[in-house]
Structures are given as C-alpha cells and as structure tokens.
Protein backbone atom coordinates (compact mmCIF):
# COMPACT_ATOMS: atom_id res chain seq x y z
CA MET A 1 195.77 24.03 -80.09
CA PHE A 2 199.56 23.78 -80.24
CA ASP A 3 199.75 24.23 -84.04
CA ARG A 4 200.35 27.20 -86.27
CA THR A 5 197.90 28.16 -89.01
CA PRO A 6 198.07 26.11 -92.18
CA SER A 7 199.68 27.22 -95.38
CA GLY A 8 197.65 28.12 -98.47
CA ASN A 9 197.41 26.51 -101.88
CA PRO A 10 198.27 27.83 -105.35
CA LEU A 11 195.53 29.66 -107.25
CA TRP A 12 196.58 28.40 -110.66
CA ARG A 13 194.30 25.77 -112.10
CA LEU A 14 195.01 25.09 -115.80
CA SER A 15 195.96 21.91 -117.60
CA ARG A 16 199.68 21.23 -117.77
CA SER A 17 199.57 21.04 -121.56
CA SER A 18 198.02 24.53 -121.84
CA LEU A 19 200.62 26.06 -119.55
CA LEU A 20 203.46 24.33 -121.35
CA LEU A 21 202.28 25.94 -124.59
CA VAL A 22 202.40 29.35 -122.91
CA THR A 23 205.87 28.68 -121.48
CA SER A 24 207.18 27.41 -124.82
CA ALA A 25 205.95 30.57 -126.51
CA LEU A 26 207.81 32.69 -123.98
CA PHE A 27 211.03 30.77 -124.55
CA ALA A 28 210.61 31.07 -128.31
CA ALA A 29 210.30 34.84 -127.99
CA GLY A 30 213.85 34.93 -126.65
CA CYS A 31 215.46 35.30 -123.26
CA ASP A 32 216.13 39.03 -123.41
CA ALA A 33 212.78 39.75 -121.76
CA TRP A 34 213.99 37.93 -118.63
CA ARG A 35 216.86 40.36 -118.12
CA GLY A 36 214.46 42.79 -116.45
CA GLU A 37 215.19 45.59 -118.97
CA GLY A 38 212.27 47.84 -119.88
CA GLY A 39 208.59 47.42 -119.19
CA VAL A 40 206.64 48.15 -116.03
CA VAL A 41 208.30 46.42 -113.10
CA ILE A 42 205.87 44.45 -110.91
CA ALA A 43 208.51 42.79 -108.68
CA SER A 44 212.23 43.12 -108.05
CA VAL A 45 215.01 41.35 -106.16
CA ALA A 46 218.47 42.94 -106.07
CA ASP A 47 219.21 43.90 -109.71
CA HIS A 48 216.68 41.46 -111.17
CA ARG A 49 213.25 42.66 -112.26
CA LEU A 50 210.02 41.01 -113.26
CA THR A 51 208.22 43.17 -115.84
CA ALA A 52 204.56 43.22 -116.74
CA GLY A 53 205.42 41.99 -120.23
CA ILE A 54 207.33 38.99 -118.91
CA ALA A 55 204.50 38.13 -116.52
CA ALA A 56 201.94 38.37 -119.32
CA GLY A 57 204.08 36.10 -121.48
CA LEU A 58 204.22 33.50 -118.71
CA LEU A 59 200.54 33.59 -117.89
CA GLY A 60 199.04 33.80 -121.36
CA PRO A 61 195.48 34.76 -122.38
CA SER A 62 193.87 32.04 -120.26
CA PHE A 63 194.52 34.23 -117.23
CA ARG A 64 192.92 37.35 -118.67
CA GLY A 65 191.26 39.33 -115.88
CA ARG A 66 192.90 37.22 -113.12
CA GLU A 67 194.78 39.67 -110.91
CA ASP A 68 195.05 36.96 -108.26
CA ALA A 69 197.14 34.90 -110.70
CA VAL A 70 199.39 37.89 -111.41
CA SER A 71 199.90 38.38 -107.67
CA LEU A 72 200.74 34.72 -107.19
CA LEU A 73 203.17 34.73 -110.12
CA ALA A 74 205.00 37.78 -108.69
CA GLU A 75 205.30 36.15 -105.25
CA VAL A 76 206.63 32.88 -106.70
CA TRP A 77 209.15 34.77 -108.84
CA VAL A 78 210.39 36.70 -105.77
CA ASN A 79 210.73 33.54 -103.68
CA HIS A 80 212.58 31.65 -106.40
CA MET A 81 214.89 34.59 -107.10
CA LEU A 82 215.73 34.91 -103.40
CA LEU A 83 216.54 31.21 -103.17
CA ALA A 84 218.57 31.24 -106.38
CA LEU A 85 220.67 34.22 -105.29
CA ALA A 86 221.25 32.70 -101.86
CA ALA A 87 222.23 29.35 -103.35
CA SER A 88 224.62 31.00 -105.81
CA GLU A 89 226.40 32.87 -103.00
CA ASP A 90 226.36 30.11 -100.38
CA THR A 91 226.44 26.66 -101.95
CA SER A 92 227.11 25.07 -98.53
CA LEU A 93 223.87 26.56 -97.13
CA ALA A 94 225.76 27.19 -93.89
CA SER A 95 225.21 30.94 -93.47
CA PRO A 96 223.24 32.22 -90.46
CA GLY A 97 220.42 33.29 -92.77
CA MET A 98 220.10 29.78 -94.21
CA GLU A 99 220.08 28.21 -90.77
CA ALA A 100 217.15 30.46 -89.81
CA VAL A 101 214.92 28.13 -91.83
CA ALA A 102 215.19 25.67 -88.91
CA GLN A 103 213.47 28.17 -86.60
CA ARG A 104 209.94 26.84 -87.15
CA GLN A 105 210.90 23.23 -86.47
CA ARG A 106 212.86 24.35 -83.41
CA GLU A 107 209.89 26.26 -82.03
CA GLN A 108 207.50 23.41 -82.75
CA GLU A 109 209.68 21.00 -80.80
CA MET A 110 209.92 23.45 -77.89
CA VAL A 111 206.14 23.88 -77.76
CA LEU A 112 205.56 20.12 -77.94
CA ARG A 113 207.90 19.69 -74.97
CA LEU A 114 206.07 22.48 -73.16
CA ALA A 115 202.80 20.60 -73.64
CA ARG A 116 204.28 17.32 -72.41
CA GLN A 117 205.77 19.03 -69.36
CA GLU A 118 202.93 21.34 -68.30
CA VAL A 119 199.70 19.73 -69.53
CA HIS A 120 198.57 16.86 -67.34
CA VAL A 121 195.81 14.47 -68.41
CA ASP A 122 194.09 11.73 -66.41
CA THR A 123 194.72 8.65 -68.54
CA VAL A 124 192.99 6.24 -66.17
CA LEU A 125 189.82 5.13 -67.93
CA GLY A 126 188.19 1.96 -66.64
CA ASP A 127 185.90 -0.26 -68.69
CA LEU A 128 182.77 0.72 -66.73
CA GLU A 129 183.33 4.44 -67.37
CA LEU A 130 184.32 3.77 -70.96
CA ARG A 131 181.20 1.65 -71.57
CA ALA A 132 178.96 4.36 -70.08
CA LEU A 133 180.53 6.97 -72.37
CA TYR A 134 180.12 4.63 -75.32
CA GLN A 135 176.42 4.19 -74.64
CA GLU A 136 175.97 7.94 -74.22
CA GLU A 137 177.87 9.02 -77.33
CA ALA A 138 177.11 6.00 -79.56
CA PRO A 139 180.14 6.45 -81.86
CA GLY A 140 179.66 4.89 -85.27
CA ALA A 141 175.87 4.89 -84.86
CA GLN A 142 173.72 4.84 -87.99
CA VAL A 143 170.06 5.73 -88.30
CA THR A 144 167.38 4.72 -90.75
CA ALA A 145 164.48 7.17 -90.75
CA ARG A 146 161.40 8.33 -92.60
CA HIS A 147 160.49 11.96 -93.07
CA ILE A 148 157.86 14.17 -94.60
CA LEU A 149 159.37 17.37 -95.99
CA LEU A 150 157.30 20.51 -96.40
CA GLY A 151 158.96 23.14 -98.58
CA LEU A 152 159.64 26.52 -96.99
CA PRO A 153 161.48 29.22 -98.99
CA PRO A 154 164.12 31.19 -97.02
CA ASP A 155 162.25 34.43 -97.76
CA ALA A 156 158.83 33.07 -96.76
CA SER A 157 156.52 35.53 -95.05
CA PRO A 158 155.56 35.03 -91.38
CA GLN A 159 152.10 33.94 -92.49
CA ALA A 160 153.55 31.32 -94.85
CA ARG A 161 155.87 30.01 -92.14
CA ASP A 162 152.99 29.71 -89.69
CA SER A 163 150.96 27.82 -92.28
CA VAL A 164 153.74 25.32 -93.02
CA PHE A 165 154.44 24.65 -89.34
CA ALA A 166 150.71 24.24 -88.66
CA LEU A 167 150.51 21.61 -91.38
CA ALA A 168 153.60 19.83 -90.01
CA ARG A 169 152.05 19.67 -86.53
CA GLU A 170 148.78 18.41 -88.01
CA LEU A 171 150.59 15.64 -89.89
CA ARG A 172 152.45 14.63 -86.73
CA ASP A 173 149.19 14.42 -84.79
CA ARG A 174 147.59 12.29 -87.53
CA ILE A 175 150.59 9.92 -87.50
CA LEU A 176 150.41 9.54 -83.71
CA GLN A 177 146.70 8.77 -84.07
CA GLY A 178 147.43 5.93 -86.52
CA SER A 179 147.28 7.45 -90.01
CA ASP A 180 149.32 5.69 -92.68
CA TRP A 181 152.76 7.31 -92.98
CA ASN A 182 153.30 6.24 -96.60
CA THR A 183 150.04 7.83 -97.71
CA LEU A 184 150.79 11.09 -95.91
CA ALA A 185 154.31 11.22 -97.36
CA LEU A 186 153.01 10.61 -100.89
CA ASP A 187 150.34 13.31 -100.51
CA HIS A 188 152.39 16.01 -98.77
CA SER A 189 156.20 15.52 -98.96
CA THR A 190 158.17 17.71 -101.36
CA ASP A 191 161.21 15.39 -101.25
CA SER A 192 160.93 13.73 -104.65
CA GLY A 193 163.82 11.39 -103.85
CA SER A 194 162.11 9.66 -100.93
CA ARG A 195 158.39 10.50 -101.28
CA ASP A 196 157.53 7.38 -103.28
CA LYS A 197 159.31 5.22 -100.67
CA GLY A 198 157.33 6.59 -97.76
CA GLY A 199 160.05 9.14 -97.04
CA LEU A 200 162.61 6.40 -96.26
CA ILE A 201 166.21 7.63 -95.85
CA GLY A 202 169.30 5.76 -94.72
CA PRO A 203 170.97 4.21 -93.02
CA PHE A 204 173.21 7.26 -92.52
CA PRO A 205 175.97 8.17 -90.01
CA ARG A 206 176.58 11.50 -88.31
CA GLY A 207 177.88 14.20 -90.60
CA ARG A 208 175.87 13.13 -93.65
CA MET A 209 172.63 15.10 -93.27
CA ALA A 210 171.69 18.73 -92.64
CA GLY A 211 172.50 19.66 -89.04
CA PRO A 212 169.01 20.17 -87.56
CA PHE A 213 167.67 17.07 -89.33
CA GLU A 214 170.59 14.96 -88.12
CA ASP A 215 170.41 16.22 -84.54
CA ALA A 216 166.72 15.38 -84.36
CA ALA A 217 167.12 11.94 -85.97
CA PHE A 218 169.93 10.88 -83.63
CA SER A 219 168.01 12.10 -80.57
CA LEU A 220 165.03 9.82 -81.28
CA GLN A 221 164.59 6.20 -80.36
CA PRO A 222 163.13 3.76 -82.95
CA GLY A 223 159.40 4.43 -83.40
CA GLU A 224 159.51 7.97 -82.01
CA VAL A 225 158.20 10.88 -84.11
CA SER A 226 159.82 14.31 -83.92
CA GLU A 227 158.24 17.69 -83.49
CA PRO A 228 158.50 19.82 -86.68
CA VAL A 229 162.19 20.40 -87.49
CA GLU A 230 163.35 23.24 -89.75
CA SER A 231 166.44 22.88 -91.95
CA SER A 232 167.69 24.67 -95.04
CA PHE A 233 165.48 22.32 -97.10
CA GLY A 234 162.23 23.12 -95.31
CA VAL A 235 160.26 21.66 -92.38
CA HIS A 236 160.54 17.94 -91.55
CA VAL A 237 158.49 15.49 -89.55
CA ILE A 238 160.83 12.56 -88.75
CA ARG A 239 160.31 9.03 -87.50
CA VAL A 240 163.29 6.82 -86.71
CA GLU A 241 162.90 3.26 -88.00
CA GLU A 242 166.18 1.75 -86.83
CA ARG A 243 169.28 2.81 -84.91
CA THR A 244 172.41 0.64 -84.96
CA VAL A 245 175.62 1.01 -82.96
CA PRO A 246 178.73 -1.19 -83.42
CA PRO A 247 179.27 -3.56 -80.46
CA PHE A 248 181.29 -2.01 -77.64
CA GLU A 249 183.76 -4.89 -77.67
CA ASP A 250 184.60 -4.27 -81.33
CA SER A 251 185.35 -0.59 -80.77
CA ARG A 252 186.67 -0.59 -77.20
CA GLU A 253 190.34 0.33 -77.81
CA ALA A 254 189.70 2.73 -80.68
CA PHE A 255 187.08 4.53 -78.57
CA ARG A 256 189.45 4.61 -75.59
CA ARG A 257 192.10 6.34 -77.72
CA GLN A 258 189.49 8.78 -79.00
CA VAL A 259 188.36 9.70 -75.48
CA LEU A 260 191.92 10.14 -74.22
CA ALA A 261 192.83 12.27 -77.24
CA ARG A 262 189.78 14.44 -76.57
CA ARG A 263 190.74 14.81 -72.92
CA ARG A 264 194.24 15.83 -73.93
CA GLY A 265 192.88 18.40 -76.36
CA GLU A 266 190.60 19.84 -73.70
CA ALA A 267 193.47 20.01 -71.20
CA GLU A 268 195.72 21.72 -73.74
CA ALA A 269 192.98 24.23 -74.60
CA ALA A 270 192.49 25.03 -70.89
CA PHE A 271 196.25 25.46 -70.40
CA VAL A 272 196.56 27.80 -73.37
CA GLU A 273 193.52 29.85 -72.38
CA ALA A 274 194.87 30.26 -68.84
CA LEU A 275 198.23 31.32 -70.26
CA LEU A 276 196.61 33.92 -72.54
CA GLN A 277 194.60 35.29 -69.62
CA ARG A 278 197.71 35.47 -67.45
CA GLU A 279 199.52 37.39 -70.18
CA GLY A 280 196.54 39.71 -70.69
CA LEU A 281 196.41 39.32 -74.47
CA GLN A 282 194.80 42.39 -76.07
CA LEU A 283 194.33 42.98 -79.79
CA ALA A 284 194.57 46.56 -81.04
CA GLU A 285 191.22 48.12 -81.95
CA ASP A 286 192.36 48.79 -85.51
CA ALA A 287 194.21 45.46 -85.90
CA VAL A 288 191.76 44.04 -88.46
CA GLN A 289 191.92 47.18 -90.61
CA LYS A 290 195.72 47.06 -90.55
CA LEU A 291 195.77 43.36 -91.52
CA ARG A 292 193.41 43.92 -94.42
CA ALA A 293 195.49 46.85 -95.68
CA LEU A 294 198.65 44.73 -95.48
CA ALA A 295 197.06 41.87 -97.39
CA LEU A 296 196.00 44.21 -100.18
CA ASP A 297 199.18 46.32 -100.27
CA PRO A 298 202.32 44.85 -98.67
CA GLU A 299 204.27 48.01 -99.51
CA SER A 300 202.16 49.91 -96.96
CA ALA A 301 204.46 48.44 -94.30
CA SER A 302 207.77 49.23 -95.96
CA SER A 303 208.89 51.92 -93.52
CA PRO A 304 210.29 51.20 -90.03
CA GLN A 305 207.51 53.27 -88.50
CA ALA A 306 204.81 51.27 -90.27
CA ARG A 307 206.45 47.95 -89.35
CA GLY A 308 206.57 48.97 -85.70
CA ALA A 309 202.81 49.59 -85.42
CA ILE A 310 201.31 47.40 -82.69
CA LEU A 311 198.70 44.77 -83.56
CA ALA A 312 198.55 43.06 -80.15
CA GLU A 313 200.09 43.31 -76.68
CA TYR A 314 200.62 40.69 -73.99
CA GLY A 315 202.57 40.76 -70.73
CA GLU A 316 205.78 42.55 -71.56
CA GLY A 317 205.61 41.64 -75.26
CA ARG A 318 203.97 42.98 -78.38
CA TYR A 319 203.15 41.70 -81.85
CA THR A 320 203.74 44.25 -84.59
CA VAL A 321 202.94 44.83 -88.23
CA GLY A 322 206.52 43.81 -89.01
CA ASP A 323 205.99 40.44 -87.28
CA PHE A 324 202.88 39.84 -89.35
CA VAL A 325 204.59 40.86 -92.60
CA ASP A 326 207.47 38.45 -91.90
CA TYR A 327 204.95 35.68 -91.20
CA VAL A 328 203.04 36.28 -94.46
CA ASP A 329 206.28 36.58 -96.46
CA GLY A 330 207.31 33.16 -95.18
CA ARG A 331 204.05 31.45 -96.10
CA GLN A 332 202.99 29.82 -99.36
CA PRO A 333 202.70 32.26 -102.27
CA GLY A 334 199.07 33.29 -102.65
CA SER A 335 198.54 33.70 -98.91
CA ARG A 336 198.01 37.46 -99.23
CA ALA A 337 195.09 36.92 -101.59
CA GLN A 338 193.56 34.39 -99.21
CA LEU A 339 193.99 36.71 -96.22
CA SER A 340 192.36 39.62 -98.05
CA GLY A 341 189.29 37.44 -98.59
CA LEU A 342 188.77 36.66 -94.89
CA ASP A 343 186.02 38.37 -92.96
CA ASP A 344 186.78 40.41 -89.83
CA ILE A 345 186.08 37.54 -87.43
CA ARG A 346 188.48 35.17 -89.19
CA LEU A 347 191.16 37.86 -89.50
CA ARG A 348 190.99 38.48 -85.75
CA SER A 349 191.12 34.74 -85.15
CA THR A 350 194.20 34.44 -87.38
CA LEU A 351 195.96 37.23 -85.50
CA ARG A 352 195.03 35.72 -82.15
CA ASP A 353 196.44 32.33 -83.26
CA LEU A 354 199.73 33.95 -84.30
CA VAL A 355 200.09 35.81 -81.01
CA ARG A 356 199.12 32.66 -79.10
CA TRP A 357 202.02 30.86 -80.77
CA GLU A 358 204.44 33.63 -79.77
CA ILE A 359 203.26 33.37 -76.16
CA LEU A 360 203.68 29.58 -76.14
CA VAL A 361 207.23 29.87 -77.47
CA LEU A 362 207.98 32.56 -74.90
CA GLU A 363 206.62 30.38 -72.10
CA ALA A 364 208.79 27.46 -73.23
CA ARG A 365 211.86 29.71 -73.09
CA ARG A 366 210.87 31.03 -69.65
CA LEU A 367 210.75 27.47 -68.36
CA GLY A 368 214.16 26.69 -69.83
CA ILE A 369 212.84 24.30 -72.49
CA THR A 370 215.49 24.12 -75.20
CA LEU A 371 217.11 21.62 -77.51
CA ALA A 372 220.37 19.98 -76.52
CA PRO A 373 223.39 20.91 -78.69
CA ASN A 374 223.34 17.54 -80.48
CA GLU A 375 219.58 17.87 -81.12
CA GLU A 376 220.08 21.39 -82.45
CA GLU A 377 222.85 20.25 -84.79
CA SER A 378 220.77 17.32 -86.03
CA LEU A 379 217.80 19.61 -86.67
CA VAL A 380 219.83 22.16 -88.62
CA LEU A 381 221.56 19.48 -90.70
CA GLY A 382 218.22 17.85 -91.50
CA VAL A 383 216.60 21.09 -92.56
CA ARG A 384 219.65 22.05 -94.60
CA ALA A 385 219.53 18.69 -96.41
CA GLN A 386 215.82 19.18 -97.22
CA LEU A 387 216.49 22.69 -98.49
CA ARG A 388 219.41 21.52 -100.62
CA GLU A 389 217.21 18.81 -102.16
CA HIS A 390 214.53 21.35 -102.99
CA LEU A 391 217.06 23.77 -104.50
CA THR A 392 218.29 20.97 -106.73
CA LEU A 393 214.74 20.24 -107.90
CA LEU A 394 214.32 23.92 -108.72
CA GLY A 395 217.52 23.84 -110.76
CA PHE A 396 219.57 25.94 -108.34
CA GLY A 397 221.96 23.22 -107.20
CA GLN A 398 224.83 24.06 -109.57
CA LEU A 399 224.73 27.86 -109.51
CA GLU A 400 228.03 29.68 -109.06
CA PRO A 401 228.55 33.06 -107.35
CA LEU A 402 227.94 36.22 -109.39
CA GLU A 403 226.59 34.37 -112.47
CA GLU A 404 223.65 36.74 -112.85
CA GLU A 405 222.57 35.44 -116.25
CA ALA A 406 222.65 31.85 -114.97
CA VAL A 407 220.57 32.87 -111.97
CA ALA A 408 218.00 34.63 -114.19
CA THR A 409 217.81 31.63 -116.52
CA ALA A 410 217.41 29.18 -113.65
CA VAL A 411 214.62 31.27 -112.10
CA ARG A 412 212.88 31.55 -115.47
CA GLY A 413 212.80 27.77 -115.73
CA SER A 414 211.80 27.16 -112.12
CA VAL A 415 208.88 29.59 -112.28
CA ALA A 416 207.67 27.97 -115.49
CA ARG A 417 207.82 24.53 -113.82
CA ALA A 418 206.03 25.90 -110.76
CA ILE A 419 203.18 27.14 -112.96
CA THR A 420 202.81 23.74 -114.63
CA GLY A 421 202.96 21.98 -111.25
CA SER A 422 206.23 20.19 -112.04
CA VAL A 423 207.79 21.39 -108.79
CA THR A 424 206.32 22.16 -105.38
CA ILE A 425 206.08 25.81 -104.40
CA LEU A 426 208.20 26.08 -101.26
CA PRO A 427 207.19 28.59 -98.57
CA LEU A 428 210.30 30.42 -97.33
CA GLY A 429 209.25 30.34 -93.67
CA PRO A 430 211.70 32.10 -91.31
CA LEU A 431 214.19 32.30 -94.18
CA ALA A 432 212.04 35.00 -95.81
CA GLY A 433 213.08 37.83 -93.48
CA PRO A 434 216.86 37.44 -93.76
CA LEU A 435 216.75 36.92 -97.55
CA ARG A 436 214.41 39.85 -98.22
CA GLU A 437 216.55 42.10 -96.05
CA ARG A 438 219.75 40.94 -97.79
CA TYR A 439 218.49 41.35 -101.36
CA GLY A 440 215.79 44.01 -101.04
CA ALA A 441 212.80 42.17 -102.50
CA ARG A 442 209.85 44.36 -103.54
CA LEU A 443 206.36 43.73 -104.86
CA TYR A 444 204.29 46.41 -106.64
CA PRO A 445 200.62 45.31 -106.51
CA SER A 446 199.39 48.66 -107.85
CA ARG A 447 201.10 47.76 -111.15
CA TYR A 448 199.52 44.32 -111.54
CA PRO A 449 196.67 45.73 -113.68
CA THR A 450 199.31 46.53 -116.31
CA VAL A 451 199.76 42.78 -116.82
CA LEU A 452 196.01 42.37 -117.25
CA ALA A 453 195.95 45.20 -119.78
CA ILE A 454 198.65 43.45 -121.84
CA LEU A 455 196.76 40.16 -121.72
CA GLU A 456 193.59 41.94 -122.80
CA LYS A 457 195.33 43.55 -125.77
CA GLU A 458 196.88 40.26 -126.82
CA SER A 459 193.52 38.49 -126.67
CA THR A 460 191.94 41.18 -128.86
CA GLY A 461 194.69 41.20 -131.46
CA GLY A 462 197.05 43.75 -129.91
CA LYS A 463 200.77 43.30 -130.29
CA GLU A 464 201.96 44.39 -126.87
CA GLY A 465 204.01 41.69 -125.15
CA PRO A 466 207.14 41.20 -123.07
CA ALA A 467 209.41 44.17 -122.95
CA SER A 468 212.99 43.60 -123.97
C-alpha cells in the first residue's frame, strides 16, 4: 500500500553467444556507423544519434519483426548516452541534477515515517484469540480428496450443461446411498490421471488447485461430499478423505507475525483510502486514452501544452501528462511497451497508484516529516556511491569532459553488454528529467519500422546495413 509500482524487465531473450556474434560483427564493420552520421535517426541525445542501420547491426536477424526489441534498444541507448555525457561533464557526481537521483529514496523514507506516525495497529494478540483464528483459518492445512470429473466444454450449450449437472447430482445421490466410489469414478470420470485410483488427489495445500475446486475441498470435513462444483476443467463431485493442519504450538509465533502483518496492511489501506477520499481524487475521463497514446508515442507529449494536460486532480494538486512522462522516462527501459499492453482497468489502476504516491508524499510534507540534515547527507552520499559504481561497470568511470568520440565508444560498448546481459540496465529514476532537459533526448518510434525493414532485407540477401 505504501509502495510504488514495480519496474519492468528487458524484452531481449537470446543466448549470450548469439548476441556476442552480432556485436562482434558490428565492431568488425567499423566504428564510423556509431558517429551518428547518415541513416534514419531513431533516437538522439545532444549531438549523438542512433541510426536505423546501427540499431539493425546491433540486433541482427534474430530480431526480425520485433519492433518491441527496437524500442527497447533505443531506450537503453538514450539512457546510457545520458549517463555517459553526465559522467563526462561531472566526474564528482555532485551537480544538482545528479543529486536528484536520491529523490525516490528520500520520498520512500518520508512515506515510511508517515505510516509509522499516523497508522496505529492493535498489536495485543492473546493466545486464546490467536488459537481461535488459527482454528478458523487453518494455515498450512492440506487436504486429500477424491473427485469424479465430468467434462464440460466452455462453449457447451445450455442443454449440455443441464445434462452434465444432472449426472453429477445423480452420482452424488448414489454415493450418499452407498454406491462404490471407485466404481463410479472408473465408469464416469474424465480425469485420466486419477480415474484408475478412484479419483484420489493429494495431499495438496491452498493455491495448488483450480479455485472453485480448492474452495470446495477446503470447506468440507473428512467424509463429506460436495454438491456439483464447476471449474475450468469441468464439473466435479468431491469427497474429502483427510484434512491435516500443523499443530498450533509449532506455528504459534509465525502465525502471530502473519496476523499482525495483515492487521497492519489493513490499517494502512484504510488510512490511504481515507486520505484519498479527503483529497477528493478524481481521474480525468480521457486519462486512459491519454496514457495509451503516450505509451505508443512519447513524442505526443513534447510540447508544454501537451505536458500540462491534466490526468488527475486532488485537493489543490493535479497530476499531469508531464508528471507521467517523467515517471515512465525514469523507469526500466521497455516500460512503454509494457504499459501499451495493459487493458483500461490496469491503466487506470496504474495512474491511481501514481497519484496515491504523490498524495502520500504531500501528506508527509504537510505534517513536517523530513530527513535531518545528517540523514539527508548520508542518503545523497550513498546514492552517489551506488551511481558511481554503476557508471564504472558501464565503462563511464574514466570519461573526460568534451571527449565526444570516447563517449560514443563507451556507449557503444555498454549497450552491447546490456544486450548480452553482462551489465544491469539501470532505470534513471528522478535523474531522467534533469538529464533529458539538459541534453535534449528524443525518441522517434514512427521510424522504428525502418530498422525492421533493414533486418528483413539482410535476412533475404539484401546489402543494406549500418549507415556511415
């Protein structure tokens, strides 16, 4: 409840050896292509350009038809170029823009302190209450059951459904009247894995079986037979053979921690919901359409007017297209592709989570929750040390100001290592905004198909490749 949304994962999935062959071929072709001269530009940072030919040379024919891979490559190249240029101009990493990378950790600490200060949980939990909860919830319980499965296709007609359920009820009645379960299972069950064993399944814990089947099995006592239960596999008649629960004494303290953690989560959720209601959070009617357009075409929000469009309002605040663009820019490369694949409900949920975080940070500031000067200094120094370590791993640790060729060469190598998985792809976080504003980073998604066209020609014997 007090977390931000998670970062995404890379879309590349090829063997390291295959990608190294592609990278080696690009190096063998010469470094002139990496100077950004000629070719269709698909991304740019300051005076550096990533052309369609260069991108095709990096990706190779294995990525033919994969526009998502082209998009990811362009985003990684932009991020690495931004970091390389910043490192070459500010080797101490002490500029205000560099220190902005500590913003997320600072906000997280503020929100954690807000939760500790404002969310109150009853931690008194006596053994009698704990034992009663344990008996009710039966954590760690396992069930052994028998079932007879009657197949029912998802597109079955109403008449077919009625027929299957009528047979299931008939079988249940015959079982209750004393008919042999094993014989009925052998004659009627469509579950080939358990039919010859009298439909025996288990023991199994919660979370292992289909939801409706599991709910029914765990609601029965040993010897009880269920009414017909429909799952994605068909219609079941279930009898529980055995139900085991670990002794209370063996699980007492672990269960106590689980209950208290759940209570804390419920209290935090109630606090946040009350805060959102107090602030009157309202999402714009066209918010989802705007988010989808931004995910597909980030350049649609390049103008100040477009960035100022409102996605949500709360209290005296508002969350704009520009806020969302800065958030996406700071996330793991590939996040745009993932966002474009979300349905409307999940997009609205994502936006609501982002605005919720802004409101929590605002509430912490209203209540005067801040970091002490020594805590702030320690945080910034720690983040700066982590960033310096990552820059070194990328090969940016020894860059000197204004060495443009050295910067281009270092980025070429770091992107190649990112593709092979040799280095972690670092999300820029709050550093993205200041760096993009300083260096003027641009992506041109409408030109990505040019890369695919080059890859297609190469795979069919064409000679088009990296521009020089």
